[in-house]
Amino acid sequence: MARAESIISNDRRCYVCGTTVNLHVHHIFGGINRKISDKEGCWCYLCGYHHNLSDEGVHFDRELDLKLKKECQASWERSHTRDEWYRKFGKSYL
């Protein structure tokens, strides 16, 4: 399945710090929701540092993880309802 455009940023730069070096695709809702994240555009580019190569990476920093989840859900709900969100992801972050 092809990945949809990101609903929060398609810029090829880290969503957190703006660097264009060592970019990774971060699925904002991973695990069992990874395919849904791809389909719904719930992903962004992160540099390795802000992804999984430091303690400040989203996989180790709960505050950053929740920030991305909230921003993504808010963006998604600009064109969908909260009920649709629950049916897709099962939990609200807002």
N, C-alpha and C. Protein backbone atom coordinates (compact mmCIF):
# COMPACT_ATOMS: atom_id res chain seq x y z
N MET A 1 0.85 -1.19 0.00
CA MET A 1 0.00 0.00 0.00
C MET A 1 0.89 1.24 0.00
N ALA A 2 0.59 2.18 -0.85
CA ALA A 2 1.34 3.42 -0.92
C ALA A 2 1.00 4.32 0.27
N ARG A 3 1.99 5.07 0.71
CA ARG A 3 1.78 5.99 1.82
C ARG A 3 1.14 7.27 1.29
N ALA A 4 0.07 7.73 1.93
CA ALA A 4 -0.58 8.99 1.58
C ALA A 4 0.32 10.15 1.99
N GLU A 5 0.06 11.31 1.41
CA GLU A 5 0.79 12.50 1.85
C GLU A 5 0.54 12.73 3.33
N SER A 6 1.54 13.27 3.99
CA SER A 6 1.41 13.57 5.41
C SER A 6 0.38 14.68 5.61
N ILE A 7 -0.42 14.55 6.63
CA ILE A 7 -1.43 15.59 6.91
C ILE A 7 -0.87 16.69 7.80
N ILE A 8 0.37 16.50 8.31
CA ILE A 8 0.94 17.58 9.12
C ILE A 8 2.12 18.27 8.44
N SER A 9 2.87 17.58 7.57
CA SER A 9 3.96 18.23 6.84
C SER A 9 4.57 17.27 5.84
N ASN A 10 4.66 17.72 4.60
CA ASN A 10 5.34 16.94 3.56
C ASN A 10 6.72 17.48 3.26
N ASP A 11 7.14 18.49 4.01
CA ASP A 11 8.48 19.03 3.82
C ASP A 11 9.50 17.95 4.16
N ARG A 12 10.50 17.81 3.31
CA ARG A 12 11.56 16.83 3.56
C ARG A 12 12.57 17.43 4.53
N ARG A 13 12.09 17.62 5.74
CA ARG A 13 12.92 18.13 6.84
C ARG A 13 12.33 17.64 8.14
N CYS A 14 13.15 17.59 9.16
CA CYS A 14 12.68 17.12 10.46
C CYS A 14 11.55 18.02 10.96
N TYR A 15 10.46 17.43 11.33
CA TYR A 15 9.29 18.16 11.82
C TYR A 15 9.60 18.91 13.11
N VAL A 16 10.59 18.43 13.87
CA VAL A 16 10.92 19.05 15.15
C VAL A 16 11.95 20.16 15.00
N CYS A 17 13.09 19.87 14.34
CA CYS A 17 14.19 20.85 14.31
C CYS A 17 14.46 21.44 12.94
N GLY A 18 13.87 20.87 11.89
CA GLY A 18 14.02 21.44 10.56
C GLY A 18 15.22 20.97 9.74
N THR A 19 16.07 20.14 10.32
CA THR A 19 17.23 19.68 9.56
C THR A 19 16.78 18.81 8.39
N THR A 20 17.63 18.76 7.37
CA THR A 20 17.33 17.92 6.21
C THR A 20 18.28 16.71 6.14
N VAL A 21 19.02 16.49 7.21
CA VAL A 21 20.02 15.43 7.26
C VAL A 21 19.48 14.22 8.03
N ASN A 22 19.76 13.02 7.53
CA ASN A 22 19.44 11.76 8.22
C ASN A 22 17.95 11.65 8.57
N LEU A 23 17.11 11.82 7.57
CA LEU A 23 15.67 11.81 7.80
C LEU A 23 15.11 10.39 7.86
N HIS A 24 14.17 10.19 8.76
CA HIS A 24 13.43 8.94 8.91
C HIS A 24 11.95 9.26 8.76
N VAL A 25 11.18 8.31 8.27
CA VAL A 25 9.72 8.44 8.27
C VAL A 25 9.23 7.93 9.62
N HIS A 26 8.50 8.76 10.34
CA HIS A 26 7.93 8.37 11.63
C HIS A 26 6.43 8.20 11.48
N HIS A 27 5.94 6.99 11.75
CA HIS A 27 4.50 6.72 11.77
C HIS A 27 3.99 7.16 13.14
N ILE A 28 3.18 8.18 13.15
CA ILE A 28 2.73 8.78 14.41
C ILE A 28 1.93 7.78 15.23
N PHE A 29 1.19 6.92 14.56
CA PHE A 29 0.47 5.85 15.24
C PHE A 29 1.01 4.54 14.68
N GLY A 30 1.98 3.98 15.36
CA GLY A 30 2.65 2.77 14.89
C GLY A 30 1.98 1.51 15.41
N GLY A 31 2.77 0.46 15.48
CA GLY A 31 2.24 -0.82 15.95
C GLY A 31 1.12 -1.30 15.06
N ILE A 32 0.01 -1.68 15.67
CA ILE A 32 -1.13 -2.19 14.89
C ILE A 32 -1.77 -1.11 14.02
N ASN A 33 -1.49 0.16 14.31
CA ASN A 33 -2.06 1.26 13.53
C ASN A 33 -1.12 1.78 12.45
N ARG A 34 0.02 1.13 12.23
CA ARG A 34 1.00 1.62 11.26
C ARG A 34 0.40 1.73 9.85
N LYS A 35 -0.32 0.72 9.40
CA LYS A 35 -0.91 0.76 8.06
C LYS A 35 -1.97 1.86 7.96
N ILE A 36 -2.72 2.06 9.03
CA ILE A 36 -3.71 3.14 9.05
C ILE A 36 -3.00 4.49 8.98
N SER A 37 -1.88 4.62 9.71
CA SER A 37 -1.09 5.86 9.65
C SER A 37 -0.66 6.15 8.21
N ASP A 38 -0.17 5.14 7.52
CA ASP A 38 0.23 5.33 6.12
C ASP A 38 -0.95 5.77 5.27
N LYS A 39 -2.06 5.07 5.39
CA LYS A 39 -3.24 5.35 4.56
C LYS A 39 -3.83 6.73 4.83
N GLU A 40 -3.83 7.14 6.11
CA GLU A 40 -4.47 8.40 6.51
C GLU A 40 -3.51 9.58 6.55
N GLY A 41 -2.23 9.36 6.23
CA GLY A 41 -1.26 10.47 6.23
C GLY A 41 -0.77 10.86 7.60
N CYS A 42 -0.84 9.94 8.54
CA CYS A 42 -0.42 10.22 9.92
C CYS A 42 1.05 9.84 10.12
N TRP A 43 1.90 10.60 9.45
CA TRP A 43 3.34 10.37 9.53
C TRP A 43 4.04 11.71 9.29
N CYS A 44 5.31 11.74 9.62
CA CYS A 44 6.11 12.93 9.33
C CYS A 44 7.57 12.51 9.23
N TYR A 45 8.38 13.42 8.70
CA TYR A 45 9.82 13.19 8.69
C TYR A 45 10.41 13.67 10.00
N LEU A 46 11.29 12.86 10.56
CA LEU A 46 12.07 13.24 11.73
C LEU A 46 13.53 12.90 11.45
N CYS A 47 14.44 13.71 11.96
CA CYS A 47 15.85 13.35 11.88
C CYS A 47 16.08 12.19 12.84
N GLY A 48 17.16 11.47 12.65
CA GLY A 48 17.45 10.34 13.52
C GLY A 48 17.46 10.72 14.99
N TYR A 49 17.99 11.90 15.29
CA TYR A 49 18.06 12.37 16.68
C TYR A 49 16.67 12.47 17.29
N HIS A 50 15.72 13.03 16.55
CA HIS A 50 14.36 13.21 17.07
C HIS A 50 13.46 12.00 16.82
N HIS A 51 13.99 10.99 16.13
CA HIS A 51 13.21 9.78 15.90
C HIS A 51 13.57 8.71 16.93
N ASN A 52 14.73 8.09 16.79
CA ASN A 52 15.05 6.97 17.68
C ASN A 52 16.52 6.84 18.03
N LEU A 53 17.32 7.89 17.78
CA LEU A 53 18.76 7.79 18.04
C LEU A 53 19.22 8.59 19.24
N SER A 54 18.30 9.07 20.05
CA SER A 54 18.66 9.79 21.28
C SER A 54 17.52 9.70 22.27
N ASP A 55 17.80 10.06 23.50
CA ASP A 55 16.75 10.08 24.53
C ASP A 55 15.68 11.14 24.23
N GLU A 56 16.00 12.10 23.35
CA GLU A 56 15.04 13.13 22.97
C GLU A 56 14.23 12.73 21.75
N GLY A 57 14.46 11.51 21.25
CA GLY A 57 13.68 11.00 20.12
C GLY A 57 12.27 10.65 20.54
N VAL A 58 11.36 10.70 19.59
CA VAL A 58 9.94 10.49 19.86
C VAL A 58 9.66 9.12 20.48
N HIS A 59 10.49 8.14 20.20
CA HIS A 59 10.26 6.81 20.76
C HIS A 59 10.66 6.70 22.22
N PHE A 60 11.33 7.73 22.75
CA PHE A 60 11.77 7.72 24.15
C PHE A 60 11.26 8.92 24.93
N ASP A 61 10.68 9.89 24.25
CA ASP A 61 10.21 11.13 24.88
C ASP A 61 8.68 11.17 24.78
N ARG A 62 8.01 10.80 25.86
CA ARG A 62 6.54 10.70 25.87
C ARG A 62 5.89 12.04 25.55
N GLU A 63 6.48 13.14 26.01
CA GLU A 63 5.92 14.46 25.75
C GLU A 63 5.92 14.77 24.24
N LEU A 64 7.01 14.48 23.57
CA LEU A 64 7.08 14.69 22.13
C LEU A 64 6.12 13.76 21.40
N ASP A 65 6.05 12.52 21.82
CA ASP A 65 5.13 11.56 21.22
C ASP A 65 3.69 12.07 21.30
N LEU A 66 3.27 12.52 22.47
CA LEU A 66 1.89 13.03 22.64
C LEU A 66 1.66 14.31 21.83
N LYS A 67 2.67 15.17 21.75
CA LYS A 67 2.56 16.40 20.96
C LYS A 67 2.26 16.05 19.50
N LEU A 68 3.00 15.11 18.93
CA LEU A 68 2.78 14.72 17.54
C LEU A 68 1.41 14.08 17.35
N LYS A 69 1.01 13.24 18.30
CA LYS A 69 -0.30 12.60 18.21
C LYS A 69 -1.42 13.64 18.25
N LYS A 70 -1.33 14.62 19.14
CA LYS A 70 -2.34 15.66 19.25
C LYS A 70 -2.40 16.51 17.98
N GLU A 71 -1.23 16.91 17.47
CA GLU A 71 -1.20 17.74 16.27
C GLU A 71 -1.76 16.98 15.07
N CYS A 72 -1.42 15.72 14.98
CA CYS A 72 -1.91 14.90 13.87
C CYS A 72 -3.43 14.73 13.96
N GLN A 73 -3.93 14.41 15.13
CA GLN A 73 -5.38 14.23 15.27
C GLN A 73 -6.11 15.54 14.97
N ALA A 74 -5.60 16.65 15.46
CA ALA A 74 -6.25 17.94 15.20
C ALA A 74 -6.29 18.23 13.70
N SER A 75 -5.21 17.94 13.01
CA SER A 75 -5.17 18.13 11.56
C SER A 75 -6.17 17.21 10.86
N TRP A 76 -6.21 15.96 11.27
CA TRP A 76 -7.12 14.97 10.67
C TRP A 76 -8.58 15.38 10.87
N GLU A 77 -8.89 15.92 12.05
CA GLU A 77 -10.27 16.29 12.36
C GLU A 77 -10.72 17.57 11.66
N ARG A 78 -9.84 18.23 10.93
CA ARG A 78 -10.28 19.38 10.14
C ARG A 78 -11.18 18.94 8.99
N SER A 79 -11.04 17.67 8.59
CA SER A 79 -11.86 17.18 7.48
C SER A 79 -12.63 15.90 7.82
N HIS A 80 -12.61 15.51 9.09
CA HIS A 80 -13.31 14.30 9.55
C HIS A 80 -13.90 14.58 10.92
N THR A 81 -14.74 13.69 11.38
CA THR A 81 -15.35 13.86 12.70
C THR A 81 -14.56 13.08 13.76
N ARG A 82 -14.80 13.42 14.99
CA ARG A 82 -14.19 12.70 16.11
C ARG A 82 -14.66 11.24 16.13
N ASP A 83 -15.92 11.02 15.81
CA ASP A 83 -16.43 9.64 15.75
C ASP A 83 -15.66 8.82 14.71
N GLU A 84 -15.38 9.42 13.56
CA GLU A 84 -14.58 8.72 12.54
C GLU A 84 -13.18 8.40 13.08
N TRP A 85 -12.63 9.36 13.82
CA TRP A 85 -11.31 9.15 14.43
C TRP A 85 -11.33 7.93 15.35
N TYR A 86 -12.32 7.90 16.22
CA TYR A 86 -12.43 6.76 17.16
C TYR A 86 -12.55 5.43 16.41
N ARG A 87 -13.33 5.42 15.35
CA ARG A 87 -13.47 4.18 14.58
C ARG A 87 -12.16 3.75 13.95
N LYS A 88 -11.33 4.69 13.54
CA LYS A 88 -10.05 4.36 12.91
C LYS A 88 -8.98 4.00 13.95
N PHE A 89 -8.86 4.84 14.99
CA PHE A 89 -7.73 4.73 15.90
C PHE A 89 -8.08 4.26 17.32
N GLY A 90 -9.35 4.30 17.68
CA GLY A 90 -9.80 3.75 18.95
C GLY A 90 -9.53 4.58 20.19
N LYS A 91 -8.86 5.72 20.04
CA LYS A 91 -8.52 6.54 21.19
C LYS A 91 -8.30 7.97 20.74
N SER A 92 -8.78 8.93 21.54
CA SER A 92 -8.56 10.33 21.24
C SER A 92 -7.39 10.86 22.06
N TYR A 93 -6.62 11.74 21.46
CA TYR A 93 -5.50 12.38 22.17
C TYR A 93 -5.80 13.84 22.44
N LEU A 94 -6.99 14.28 22.05
CA LEU A 94 -7.39 15.68 22.28
C LEU A 94 -8.37 15.79 23.42
